[in-house]
Amino acid sequence: MKVEKVGENKYMITIEGEDHSLGNLLARTLLSIKGVKFSYYEQPHPLEERIILFVELKGKKDLKEVLLKALERIERTNEQFRRLLVEEARAKRVVIEEERHRS
């Protein structure tokens, strides 16, 4: 991951080995964090596994702090989704590999 400051409270973050899945999730989650003015991403070329995330912060917000909040929110959401999926699978008597290995 490479972070470049490109203006007053504006950053360009290049993340290698990622595509639209992470780009969309991270950009949208950042928009929900207090202190983020805007956030979007680009994937320069479909054959490149690289995204560029653009973020502008309000005031004196710290980029690292904002990114950590976004990642924590993503982690909580993912855990909630996993829990609901497992509950629904159990209700329908579907065996999930992960659950089989935990037993």
PDB file of N, CA and C in Angstrom:
ATOM      1  N   MET A   1       0.857  -1.167   0.000  1.00  0.00           N
ATOM      2  CA  MET A   1       0.000   0.000   0.000  1.00  0.00           C
ATOM      3  C   MET A   1       0.904   1.231   0.000  1.00  0.00           C
ATOM      4  N   LYS A   2       0.590   2.153  -0.882  1.00  0.00           N
ATOM      5  CA  LYS A   2       1.380   3.382  -1.002  1.00  0.00           C
ATOM      6  C   LYS A   2       0.432   4.558  -0.801  1.00  0.00           C
ATOM      7  N   VAL A   3       0.768   5.457   0.124  1.00  0.00           N
ATOM      8  CA  VAL A   3      -0.065   6.628   0.422  1.00  0.00           C
ATOM      9  C   VAL A   3       0.669   7.878  -0.032  1.00  0.00           C
ATOM     10  N   GLU A   4      -0.031   8.684  -0.808  1.00  0.00           N
ATOM     11  CA  GLU A   4       0.530   9.954  -1.265  1.00  0.00           C
ATOM     12  C   GLU A   4      -0.432  11.078  -0.911  1.00  0.00           C
ATOM     13  N   LYS A   5       0.105  12.155  -0.357  1.00  0.00           N
ATOM     14  CA  LYS A   5      -0.708  13.336  -0.109  1.00  0.00           C
ATOM     15  C   LYS A   5      -0.700  14.134  -1.410  1.00  0.00           C
ATOM     16  N   VAL A   6      -1.897  14.441  -1.938  1.00  0.00           N
ATOM     17  CA  VAL A   6      -1.979  15.101  -3.239  1.00  0.00           C
ATOM     18  C   VAL A   6      -2.599  16.492  -3.145  1.00  0.00           C
ATOM     19  N   GLY A   7      -2.820  16.965  -1.937  1.00  0.00           N
ATOM     20  CA  GLY A   7      -3.395  18.288  -1.730  1.00  0.00           C
ATOM     21  C   GLY A   7      -3.757  18.463  -0.270  1.00  0.00           C
ATOM     22  N   GLU A   8      -4.360  19.585   0.025  1.00  0.00           N
ATOM     23  CA  GLU A   8      -4.803  19.870   1.385  1.00  0.00           C
ATOM     24  C   GLU A   8      -5.858  18.844   1.803  1.00  0.00           C
ATOM     25  N   ASN A   9      -5.504  17.963   2.728  1.00  0.00           N
ATOM     26  CA  ASN A   9      -6.393  16.912   3.237  1.00  0.00           C
ATOM     27  C   ASN A   9      -6.827  15.922   2.161  1.00  0.00           C
ATOM     28  N   LYS A  10      -6.080  15.825   1.066  1.00  0.00           N
ATOM     29  CA  LYS A  10      -6.417  14.910  -0.022  1.00  0.00           C
ATOM     30  C   LYS A  10      -5.314  13.855  -0.160  1.00  0.00           C
ATOM     31  N   TYR A  11      -5.746  12.602  -0.322  1.00  0.00           N
ATOM     32  CA  TYR A  11      -4.805  11.493  -0.386  1.00  0.00           C
ATOM     33  C   TYR A  11      -5.135  10.559  -1.535  1.00  0.00           C
ATOM     34  N   MET A  12      -4.085   9.948  -2.067  1.00  0.00           N
ATOM     35  CA  MET A  12      -4.209   8.922  -3.086  1.00  0.00           C
ATOM     36  C   MET A  12      -3.515   7.685  -2.519  1.00  0.00           C
ATOM     37  N   ILE A  13      -4.271   6.602  -2.395  1.00  0.00           N
ATOM     38  CA  ILE A  13      -3.750   5.376  -1.797  1.00  0.00           C
ATOM     39  C   ILE A  13      -3.779   4.279  -2.851  1.00  0.00           C
ATOM     40  N   THR A  14      -2.621   3.765  -3.191  1.00  0.00           N
ATOM     41  CA  THR A  14      -2.521   2.686  -4.165  1.00  0.00           C
ATOM     42  C   THR A  14      -2.412   1.365  -3.403  1.00  0.00           C
ATOM     43  N   ILE A  15      -3.293   0.428  -3.752  1.00  0.00           N
ATOM     44  CA  ILE A  15      -3.300  -0.876  -3.088  1.00  0.00           C
ATOM     45  C   ILE A  15      -3.101  -1.943  -4.153  1.00  0.00           C
ATOM     46  N   GLU A  16      -1.978  -2.632  -4.065  1.00  0.00           N
ATOM     47  CA  GLU A  16      -1.645  -3.691  -5.024  1.00  0.00           C
ATOM     48  C   GLU A  16      -2.379  -4.976  -4.664  1.00  0.00           C
ATOM     49  N   GLY A  17      -2.685  -5.768  -5.672  1.00  0.00           N
ATOM     50  CA  GLY A  17      -3.284  -7.080  -5.459  1.00  0.00           C
ATOM     51  C   GLY A  17      -4.771  -7.046  -5.145  1.00  0.00           C
ATOM     52  N   GLU A  18      -5.432  -5.932  -5.397  1.00  0.00           N
ATOM     53  CA  GLU A  18      -6.863  -5.811  -5.107  1.00  0.00           C
ATOM     54  C   GLU A  18      -7.610  -5.325  -6.342  1.00  0.00           C
ATOM     55  N   ASP A  19      -8.940  -5.470  -6.292  1.00  0.00           N
ATOM     56  CA  ASP A  19      -9.766  -5.070  -7.423  1.00  0.00           C
ATOM     57  C   ASP A  19     -11.037  -4.381  -6.931  1.00  0.00           C
ATOM     58  N   HIS A  20     -12.072  -4.413  -7.757  1.00  0.00           N
ATOM     59  CA  HIS A  20     -13.313  -3.708  -7.446  1.00  0.00           C
ATOM     60  C   HIS A  20     -13.938  -4.139  -6.117  1.00  0.00           C
ATOM     61  N   SER A  21     -13.775  -5.398  -5.745  1.00  0.00           N
ATOM     62  CA  SER A  21     -14.405  -5.882  -4.508  1.00  0.00           C
ATOM     63  C   SER A  21     -13.975  -5.041  -3.310  1.00  0.00           C
ATOM     64  N   LEU A  22     -12.687  -4.926  -3.110  1.00  0.00           N
ATOM     65  CA  LEU A  22     -12.202  -4.136  -1.979  1.00  0.00           C
ATOM     66  C   LEU A  22     -12.362  -2.644  -2.241  1.00  0.00           C
ATOM     67  N   GLY A  23     -12.131  -2.221  -3.463  1.00  0.00           N
ATOM     68  CA  GLY A  23     -12.234  -0.794  -3.776  1.00  0.00           C
ATOM     69  C   GLY A  23     -13.603  -0.233  -3.465  1.00  0.00           C
ATOM     70  N   ASN A  24     -14.636  -0.901  -3.926  1.00  0.00           N
ATOM     71  CA  ASN A  24     -16.001  -0.447  -3.695  1.00  0.00           C
ATOM     72  C   ASN A  24     -16.341  -0.488  -2.206  1.00  0.00           C
ATOM     73  N   LEU A  25     -16.008  -1.589  -1.548  1.00  0.00           N
ATOM     74  CA  LEU A  25     -16.311  -1.734  -0.124  1.00  0.00           C
ATOM     75  C   LEU A  25     -15.619  -0.654   0.701  1.00  0.00           C
ATOM     76  N   LEU A  26     -14.351  -0.436   0.459  1.00  0.00           N
ATOM     77  CA  LEU A  26     -13.597   0.540   1.239  1.00  0.00           C
ATOM     78  C   LEU A  26     -14.040   1.969   0.947  1.00  0.00           C
ATOM     79  N   ALA A  27     -14.232   2.315  -0.321  1.00  0.00           N
ATOM     80  CA  ALA A  27     -14.649   3.675  -0.674  1.00  0.00           C
ATOM     81  C   ALA A  27     -16.023   3.996  -0.078  1.00  0.00           C
ATOM     82  N   ARG A  28     -16.962   3.061  -0.185  1.00  0.00           N
ATOM     83  CA  ARG A  28     -18.314   3.286   0.352  1.00  0.00           C
ATOM     84  C   ARG A  28     -18.304   3.362   1.874  1.00  0.00           C
ATOM     85  N   THR A  29     -17.513   2.511   2.513  1.00  0.00           N
ATOM     86  CA  THR A  29     -17.444   2.541   3.973  1.00  0.00           C
ATOM     87  C   THR A  29     -16.814   3.842   4.446  1.00  0.00           C
ATOM     88  N   LEU A  30     -15.779   4.294   3.777  1.00  0.00           N
ATOM     89  CA  LEU A  30     -15.154   5.561   4.152  1.00  0.00           C
ATOM     90  C   LEU A  30     -16.153   6.712   4.106  1.00  0.00           C
ATOM     91  N   LEU A  31     -17.061   6.688   3.126  1.00  0.00           N
ATOM     92  CA  LEU A  31     -18.062   7.755   3.028  1.00  0.00           C
ATOM     93  C   LEU A  31     -18.965   7.819   4.258  1.00  0.00           C
ATOM     94  N   SER A  32     -19.075   6.715   4.979  1.00  0.00           N
ATOM     95  CA  SER A  32     -19.927   6.681   6.167  1.00  0.00           C
ATOM     96  C   SER A  32     -19.186   7.096   7.448  1.00  0.00           C
ATOM     97  N   ILE A  33     -17.907   7.373   7.329  1.00  0.00           N
ATOM     98  CA  ILE A  33     -17.096   7.760   8.491  1.00  0.00           C
ATOM     99  C   ILE A  33     -17.106   9.281   8.643  1.00  0.00           C
ATOM    100  N   LYS A  34     -17.390   9.723   9.856  1.00  0.00           N
ATOM    101  CA  LYS A  34     -17.406  11.159  10.140  1.00  0.00           C
ATOM    102  C   LYS A  34     -16.015  11.737   9.871  1.00  0.00           C
ATOM    103  N   GLY A  35     -15.984  12.836   9.151  1.00  0.00           N
ATOM    104  CA  GLY A  35     -14.721  13.486   8.840  1.00  0.00           C
ATOM    105  C   GLY A  35     -14.213  13.206   7.440  1.00  0.00           C
ATOM    106  N   VAL A  36     -14.918  12.346   6.700  1.00  0.00           N
ATOM    107  CA  VAL A  36     -14.524  12.063   5.319  1.00  0.00           C
ATOM    108  C   VAL A  36     -15.402  12.905   4.404  1.00  0.00           C
ATOM    109  N   LYS A  37     -14.779  13.764   3.621  1.00  0.00           N
ATOM    110  CA  LYS A  37     -15.517  14.636   2.700  1.00  0.00           C
ATOM    111  C   LYS A  37     -15.937  13.871   1.454  1.00  0.00           C
ATOM    112  N   PHE A  38     -15.013  13.125   0.865  1.00  0.00           N
ATOM    113  CA  PHE A  38     -15.366  12.261  -0.250  1.00  0.00           C
ATOM    114  C   PHE A  38     -14.374  11.116  -0.333  1.00  0.00           C
ATOM    115  N   SER A  39     -14.797  10.072  -1.015  1.00  0.00           N
ATOM    116  CA  SER A  39     -13.963   8.896  -1.205  1.00  0.00           C
ATOM    117  C   SER A  39     -14.447   8.159  -2.449  1.00  0.00           C
ATOM    118  N   TYR A  40     -13.538   7.774  -3.302  1.00  0.00           N
ATOM    119  CA  TYR A  40     -13.855   6.941  -4.458  1.00  0.00           C
ATOM    120  C   TYR A  40     -12.599   6.196  -4.863  1.00  0.00           C
ATOM    121  N   TYR A  41     -12.755   5.230  -5.736  1.00  0.00           N
ATOM    122  CA  TYR A  41     -11.597   4.465  -6.178  1.00  0.00           C
ATOM    123  C   TYR A  41     -11.644   4.288  -7.691  1.00  0.00           C
ATOM    124  N   GLU A  42     -10.502   3.915  -8.232  1.00  0.00           N
ATOM    125  CA  GLU A  42     -10.390   3.573  -9.646  1.00  0.00           C
ATOM    126  C   GLU A  42      -9.544   2.311  -9.758  1.00  0.00           C
ATOM    127  N   GLN A  43      -9.860   1.496 -10.741  1.00  0.00           N
ATOM    128  CA  GLN A  43      -8.979   0.395 -11.107  1.00  0.00           C
ATOM    129  C   GLN A  43      -8.442   0.774 -12.480  1.00  0.00           C
ATOM    130  N   PRO A  44      -7.172   1.164 -12.552  1.00  0.00           N
ATOM    131  CA  PRO A  44      -6.626   1.709 -13.793  1.00  0.00           C
ATOM    132  C   PRO A  44      -6.851   0.845 -15.032  1.00  0.00           C
ATOM    133  N   HIS A  45      -6.746  -0.468 -14.880  1.00  0.00           N
ATOM    134  CA  HIS A  45      -6.941  -1.363 -16.021  1.00  0.00           C
ATOM    135  C   HIS A  45      -7.505  -2.680 -15.498  1.00  0.00           C
ATOM    136  N   PRO A  46      -8.473  -3.268 -16.209  1.00  0.00           N
ATOM    137  CA  PRO A  46      -9.108  -4.500 -15.727  1.00  0.00           C
ATOM    138  C   PRO A  46      -8.141  -5.677 -15.529  1.00  0.00           C
ATOM    139  N   LEU A  47      -7.035  -5.678 -16.232  1.00  0.00           N
ATOM    140  CA  LEU A  47      -6.076  -6.776 -16.096  1.00  0.00           C
ATOM    141  C   LEU A  47      -5.055  -6.537 -14.990  1.00  0.00           C
ATOM    142  N   GLU A  48      -5.066  -5.353 -14.419  1.00  0.00           N
ATOM    143  CA  GLU A  48      -4.150  -5.045 -13.313  1.00  0.00           C
ATOM    144  C   GLU A  48      -4.860  -5.274 -11.992  1.00  0.00           C
ATOM    145  N   GLU A  49      -4.217  -5.979 -11.101  1.00  0.00           N
ATOM    146  CA  GLU A  49      -4.759  -6.149  -9.760  1.00  0.00           C
ATOM    147  C   GLU A  49      -4.216  -5.014  -8.900  1.00  0.00           C
ATOM    148  N   ARG A  50      -4.831  -3.856  -9.086  1.00  0.00           N
ATOM    149  CA  ARG A  50      -4.402  -2.656  -8.362  1.00  0.00           C
ATOM    150  C   ARG A  50      -5.557  -1.677  -8.375  1.00  0.00           C
ATOM    151  N   ILE A  51      -5.795  -1.084  -7.217  1.00  0.00           N
ATOM    152  CA  ILE A  51      -6.795  -0.024  -7.143  1.00  0.00           C
ATOM    153  C   ILE A  51      -6.135   1.232  -6.588  1.00  0.00           C
ATOM    154  N   ILE A  52      -6.731   2.351  -6.939  1.00  0.00           N
ATOM    155  CA  ILE A  52      -6.283   3.630  -6.397  1.00  0.00           C
ATOM    156  C   ILE A  52      -7.478   4.250  -5.702  1.00  0.00           C
ATOM    157  N   LEU A  53      -7.318   4.490  -4.424  1.00  0.00           N
ATOM    158  CA  LEU A  53      -8.370   5.049  -3.584  1.00  0.00           C
ATOM    159  C   LEU A  53      -8.076   6.526  -3.366  1.00  0.00           C
ATOM    160  N   PHE A  54      -9.067   7.368  -3.603  1.00  0.00           N
ATOM    161  CA  PHE A  54      -8.920   8.801  -3.402  1.00  0.00           C
ATOM    162  C   PHE A  54      -9.783   9.201  -2.218  1.00  0.00           C
ATOM    163  N   VAL A  55      -9.193   9.933  -1.285  1.00  0.00           N
ATOM    164  CA  VAL A  55      -9.898  10.318  -0.061  1.00  0.00           C
ATOM    165  C   VAL A  55      -9.603  11.784   0.242  1.00  0.00           C
ATOM    166  N   GLU A  56     -10.653  12.520   0.587  1.00  0.00           N
ATOM    167  CA  GLU A  56     -10.476  13.881   1.086  1.00  0.00           C
ATOM    168  C   GLU A  56     -11.119  13.952   2.458  1.00  0.00           C
ATOM    169  N   LEU A  57     -10.357  14.466   3.411  1.00  0.00           N
ATOM    170  CA  LEU A  57     -10.824  14.567   4.787  1.00  0.00           C
ATOM    171  C   LEU A  57     -11.235  15.989   5.120  1.00  0.00           C
ATOM    172  N   LYS A  58     -12.125  16.112   6.087  1.00  0.00           N
ATOM    173  CA  LYS A  58     -12.551  17.428   6.583  1.00  0.00           C
ATOM    174  C   LYS A  58     -11.632  17.831   7.733  1.00  0.00           C
ATOM    175  N   GLY A  59     -11.301  19.103   7.764  1.00  0.00           N
ATOM    176  CA  GLY A  59     -10.535  19.624   8.900  1.00  0.00           C
ATOM    177  C   GLY A  59      -9.215  18.916   9.117  1.00  0.00           C
ATOM    178  N   LYS A  60      -8.955  18.614  10.375  1.00  0.00           N
ATOM    179  CA  LYS A  60      -7.663  18.033  10.741  1.00  0.00           C
ATOM    180  C   LYS A  60      -7.767  16.542  11.065  1.00  0.00           C
ATOM    181  N   LYS A  61      -8.635  15.833  10.381  1.00  0.00           N
ATOM    182  CA  LYS A  61      -8.773  14.394  10.601  1.00  0.00           C
ATOM    183  C   LYS A  61      -7.497  13.678  10.173  1.00  0.00           C
ATOM    184  N   ASP A  62      -7.178  12.611  10.893  1.00  0.00           N
ATOM    185  CA  ASP A  62      -5.997  11.809  10.611  1.00  0.00           C
ATOM    186  C   ASP A  62      -6.369  10.653   9.679  1.00  0.00           C
ATOM    187  N   LEU A  63      -5.682  10.526   8.566  1.00  0.00           N
ATOM    188  CA  LEU A  63      -5.992   9.493   7.576  1.00  0.00           C
ATOM    189  C   LEU A  63      -5.906   8.094   8.181  1.00  0.00           C
ATOM    190  N   LYS A  64      -4.863   7.837   8.956  1.00  0.00           N
ATOM    191  CA  LYS A  64      -4.695   6.507   9.546  1.00  0.00           C
ATOM    192  C   LYS A  64      -5.876   6.170  10.456  1.00  0.00           C
ATOM    193  N   GLU A  65      -6.297   7.120  11.257  1.00  0.00           N
ATOM    194  CA  GLU A  65      -7.426   6.912  12.166  1.00  0.00           C
ATOM    195  C   GLU A  65      -8.716   6.622  11.387  1.00  0.00           C
ATOM    196  N   VAL A  66      -8.942   7.366  10.333  1.00  0.00           N
ATOM    197  CA  VAL A  66     -10.142   7.194   9.505  1.00  0.00           C
ATOM    198  C   VAL A  66     -10.122   5.822   8.816  1.00  0.00           C
ATOM    199  N   LEU A  67      -8.971   5.424   8.277  1.00  0.00           N
ATOM    200  CA  LEU A  67      -8.868   4.117   7.633  1.00  0.00           C
ATOM    201  C   LEU A  67      -9.098   2.984   8.627  1.00  0.00           C
ATOM    202  N   LEU A  68      -8.556   3.116   9.830  1.00  0.00           N
ATOM    203  CA  LEU A  68      -8.763   2.086  10.857  1.00  0.00           C
ATOM    204  C   LEU A  68     -10.235   1.977  11.240  1.00  0.00           C
ATOM    205  N   LYS A  69     -10.926   3.105  11.365  1.00  0.00           N
ATOM    206  CA  LYS A  69     -12.361   3.081  11.672  1.00  0.00           C
ATOM    207  C   LYS A  69     -13.135   2.374  10.563  1.00  0.00           C
ATOM    208  N   ALA A  70     -12.785   2.662   9.317  1.00  0.00           N
ATOM    209  CA  ALA A  70     -13.464   2.026   8.190  1.00  0.00           C
ATOM    210  C   ALA A  70     -13.221   0.517   8.197  1.00  0.00           C
ATOM    211  N   LEU A  71     -11.992   0.102   8.437  1.00  0.00           N
ATOM    212  CA  LEU A  71     -11.682  -1.323   8.462  1.00  0.00           C
ATOM    213  C   LEU A  71     -12.376  -2.031   9.621  1.00  0.00           C
ATOM    214  N   GLU A  72     -12.462  -1.377  10.772  1.00  0.00           N
ATOM    215  CA  GLU A  72     -13.186  -1.958  11.904  1.00  0.00           C
ATOM    216  C   GLU A  72     -14.671  -2.116  11.574  1.00  0.00           C
ATOM    217  N   ARG A  73     -15.246  -1.128  10.904  1.00  0.00           N
ATOM    218  CA  ARG A  73     -16.660  -1.198  10.513  1.00  0.00           C
ATOM    219  C   ARG A  73     -16.879  -2.341   9.516  1.00  0.00           C
ATOM    220  N   ILE A  74     -15.968  -2.489   8.572  1.00  0.00           N
ATOM    221  CA  ILE A  74     -16.058  -3.581   7.602  1.00  0.00           C
ATOM    222  C   ILE A  74     -15.967  -4.924   8.320  1.00  0.00           C
ATOM    223  N   GLU A  75     -15.057  -5.028   9.259  1.00  0.00           N
ATOM    224  CA  GLU A  75     -14.894  -6.276  10.012  1.00  0.00           C
ATOM    225  C   GLU A  75     -16.160  -6.622  10.801  1.00  0.00           C
ATOM    226  N   ARG A  76     -16.765  -5.633  11.459  1.00  0.00           N
ATOM    227  CA  ARG A  76     -18.006  -5.871  12.209  1.00  0.00           C
ATOM    228  C   ARG A  76     -19.138  -6.296  11.273  1.00  0.00           C
ATOM    229  N   THR A  77     -19.255  -5.613  10.156  1.00  0.00           N
ATOM    230  CA  THR A  77     -20.305  -5.941   9.192  1.00  0.00           C
ATOM    231  C   THR A  77     -20.109  -7.352   8.644  1.00  0.00           C
ATOM    232  N   ASN A  78     -18.877  -7.695   8.338  1.00  0.00           N
ATOM    233  CA  ASN A  78     -18.570  -9.031   7.826  1.00  0.00           C
ATOM    234  C   ASN A  78     -18.916 -10.099   8.863  1.00  0.00           C
ATOM    235  N   GLU A  79     -18.590  -9.855  10.105  1.00  0.00           N
ATOM    236  CA  GLU A  79     -18.896 -10.815  11.167  1.00  0.00           C
ATOM    237  C   GLU A  79     -20.409 -10.964  11.341  1.00  0.00           C
ATOM    238  N   GLN A  80     -21.143  -9.878  11.283  1.00  0.00           N
ATOM    239  CA  GLN A  80     -22.602  -9.941  11.385  1.00  0.00           C
ATOM    240  C   GLN A  80     -23.178 -10.745  10.219  1.00  0.00           C
ATOM    241  N   PHE A  81     -22.683 -10.492   9.023  1.00  0.00           N
ATOM    242  CA  PHE A  81     -23.152 -11.213   7.849  1.00  0.00           C
ATOM    243  C   PHE A  81     -22.855 -12.709   7.977  1.00  0.00           C
ATOM    244  N   ARG A  82     -21.631 -13.040   8.404  1.00  0.00           N
ATOM    245  CA  ARG A  82     -21.257 -14.440   8.572  1.00  0.00           C
ATOM    246  C   ARG A  82     -22.162 -15.130   9.585  1.00  0.00           C
ATOM    247  N   ARG A  83     -22.414 -14.459  10.700  1.00  0.00           N
ATOM    248  CA  ARG A  83     -23.267 -15.033  11.744  1.00  0.00           C
ATOM    249  C   ARG A  83     -24.686 -15.282  11.215  1.00  0.00           C
ATOM    250  N   LEU A  84     -25.245 -14.310  10.520  1.00  0.00           N
ATOM    251  CA  LEU A  84     -26.587 -14.478   9.963  1.00  0.00           C
ATOM    252  C   LEU A  84     -26.633 -15.584   8.914  1.00  0.00           C
ATOM    253  N   LEU A  85     -25.604 -15.670   8.092  1.00  0.00           N
ATOM    254  CA  LEU A  85     -25.540 -16.706   7.066  1.00  0.00           C
ATOM    255  C   LEU A  85     -25.491 -18.091   7.703  1.00  0.00           C
ATOM    256  N   VAL A  86     -24.654 -18.252   8.724  1.00  0.00           N
ATOM    257  CA  VAL A  86     -24.542 -19.542   9.409  1.00  0.00           C
ATOM    258  C   VAL A  86     -25.863 -19.901  10.080  1.00  0.00           C
ATOM    259  N   GLU A  87     -26.508 -18.937  10.730  1.00  0.00           N
ATOM    260  CA  GLU A  87     -27.798 -19.199  11.376  1.00  0.00           C
ATOM    261  C   GLU A  87     -28.837 -19.651  10.351  1.00  0.00           C
ATOM    262  N   GLU A  88     -28.885 -18.982   9.230  1.00  0.00           N
ATOM    263  CA  GLU A  88     -29.857 -19.331   8.194  1.00  0.00           C
ATOM    264  C   GLU A  88     -29.542 -20.707   7.607  1.00  0.00           C
ATOM    265  N   ALA A  89     -28.260 -20.994   7.407  1.00  0.00           N
ATOM    266  CA  ALA A  89     -27.868 -22.306   6.884  1.00  0.00           C
ATOM    267  C   ALA A  89     -28.275 -23.412   7.865  1.00  0.00           C
ATOM    268  N   ARG A  90     -28.018 -23.191   9.140  1.00  0.00           N
ATOM    269  CA  ARG A  90     -28.415 -24.180  10.154  1.00  0.00           C
ATOM    270  C   ARG A  90     -29.924 -24.392  10.147  1.00  0.00           C
ATOM    271  N   ALA A  91     -30.673 -23.306  10.040  1.00  0.00           N
ATOM    272  CA  ALA A  91     -32.136 -23.408  10.029  1.00  0.00           C
ATOM    273  C   ALA A  91     -32.609 -24.243   8.844  1.00  0.00           C
ATOM    274  N   LYS A  92     -31.857 -24.201   7.754  1.00  0.00           N
ATOM    275  CA  LYS A  92     -32.229 -24.961   6.551  1.00  0.00           C
ATOM    276  C   LYS A  92     -31.468 -26.287   6.486  1.00  0.00           C
ATOM    277  N   ARG A  93     -30.730 -26.590   7.551  1.00  0.00           N
ATOM    278  CA  ARG A  93     -29.958 -27.835   7.665  1.00  0.00           C
ATOM    279  C   ARG A  93     -28.905 -27.993   6.569  1.00  0.00           C
ATOM    280  N   VAL A  94     -28.301 -26.870   6.222  1.00  0.00           N
ATOM    281  CA  VAL A  94     -27.208 -26.864   5.251  1.00  0.00           C
ATOM    282  C   VAL A  94     -25.904 -26.872   6.041  1.00  0.00           C
ATOM    283  N   VAL A  95     -25.005 -27.781   5.676  1.00  0.00           N
ATOM    284  CA  VAL A  95     -23.721 -27.872   6.370  1.00  0.00           C
ATOM    285  C   VAL A  95     -22.723 -26.968   5.662  1.00  0.00           C
ATOM    286  N   ILE A  96     -22.088 -26.123   6.437  1.00  0.00           N
ATOM    287  CA  ILE A  96     -21.068 -25.209   5.916  1.00  0.00           C
ATOM    288  C   ILE A  96     -19.707 -25.782   6.306  1.00  0.00           C
ATOM    289  N   GLU A  97     -18.787 -25.855   5.356  1.00  0.00           N
ATOM    290  CA  GLU A  97     -17.468 -26.443   5.602  1.00  0.00           C
ATOM    291  C   GLU A  97     -16.812 -25.879   6.859  1.00  0.00           C
ATOM    292  N   GLU A  98     -16.839 -24.575   7.015  1.00  0.00           N
ATOM    293  CA  GLU A  98     -16.215 -23.925   8.166  1.00  0.00           C
ATOM    294  C   GLU A  98     -16.769 -24.490   9.459  1.00  0.00           C
ATOM    295  N   GLU A  99     -18.057 -24.689   9.519  1.00  0.00           N
ATOM    296  CA  GLU A  99     -18.713 -25.214  10.713  1.00  0.00           C
ATOM    297  C   GLU A  99     -18.331 -26.678  10.949  1.00  0.00           C
ATOM    298  N   ARG A 100     -18.181 -27.425   9.882  1.00  0.00           N
ATOM    299  CA  ARG A 100     -17.803 -28.839   9.995  1.00  0.00           C
ATOM    300  C   ARG A 100     -16.429 -28.959  10.644  1.00  0.00           C
ATOM    301  N   HIS A 101     -15.492 -28.083  10.290  1.00  0.00           N
ATOM    302  CA  HIS A 101     -14.133 -28.138  10.818  1.00  0.00           C
ATOM    303  C   HIS A 101     -14.059 -27.637  12.258  1.00  0.00           C
ATOM    304  N   ARG A 102     -14.984 -26.804  12.674  1.00  0.00           N
ATOM    305  CA  ARG A 102     -14.994 -26.269  14.044  1.00  0.00           C
ATOM    306  C   ARG A 102     -15.446 -27.312  15.058  1.00  0.00           C
ATOM    307  N   SER A 103     -16.249 -28.262  14.618  1.00  0.00           N
ATOM    308  CA  SER A 103     -16.821 -29.262  15.533  1.00  0.00           C
ATOM    309  C   SER A 103     -15.789 -30.225  16.066  1.00  0.00           C
TER     310      SER A 103
END
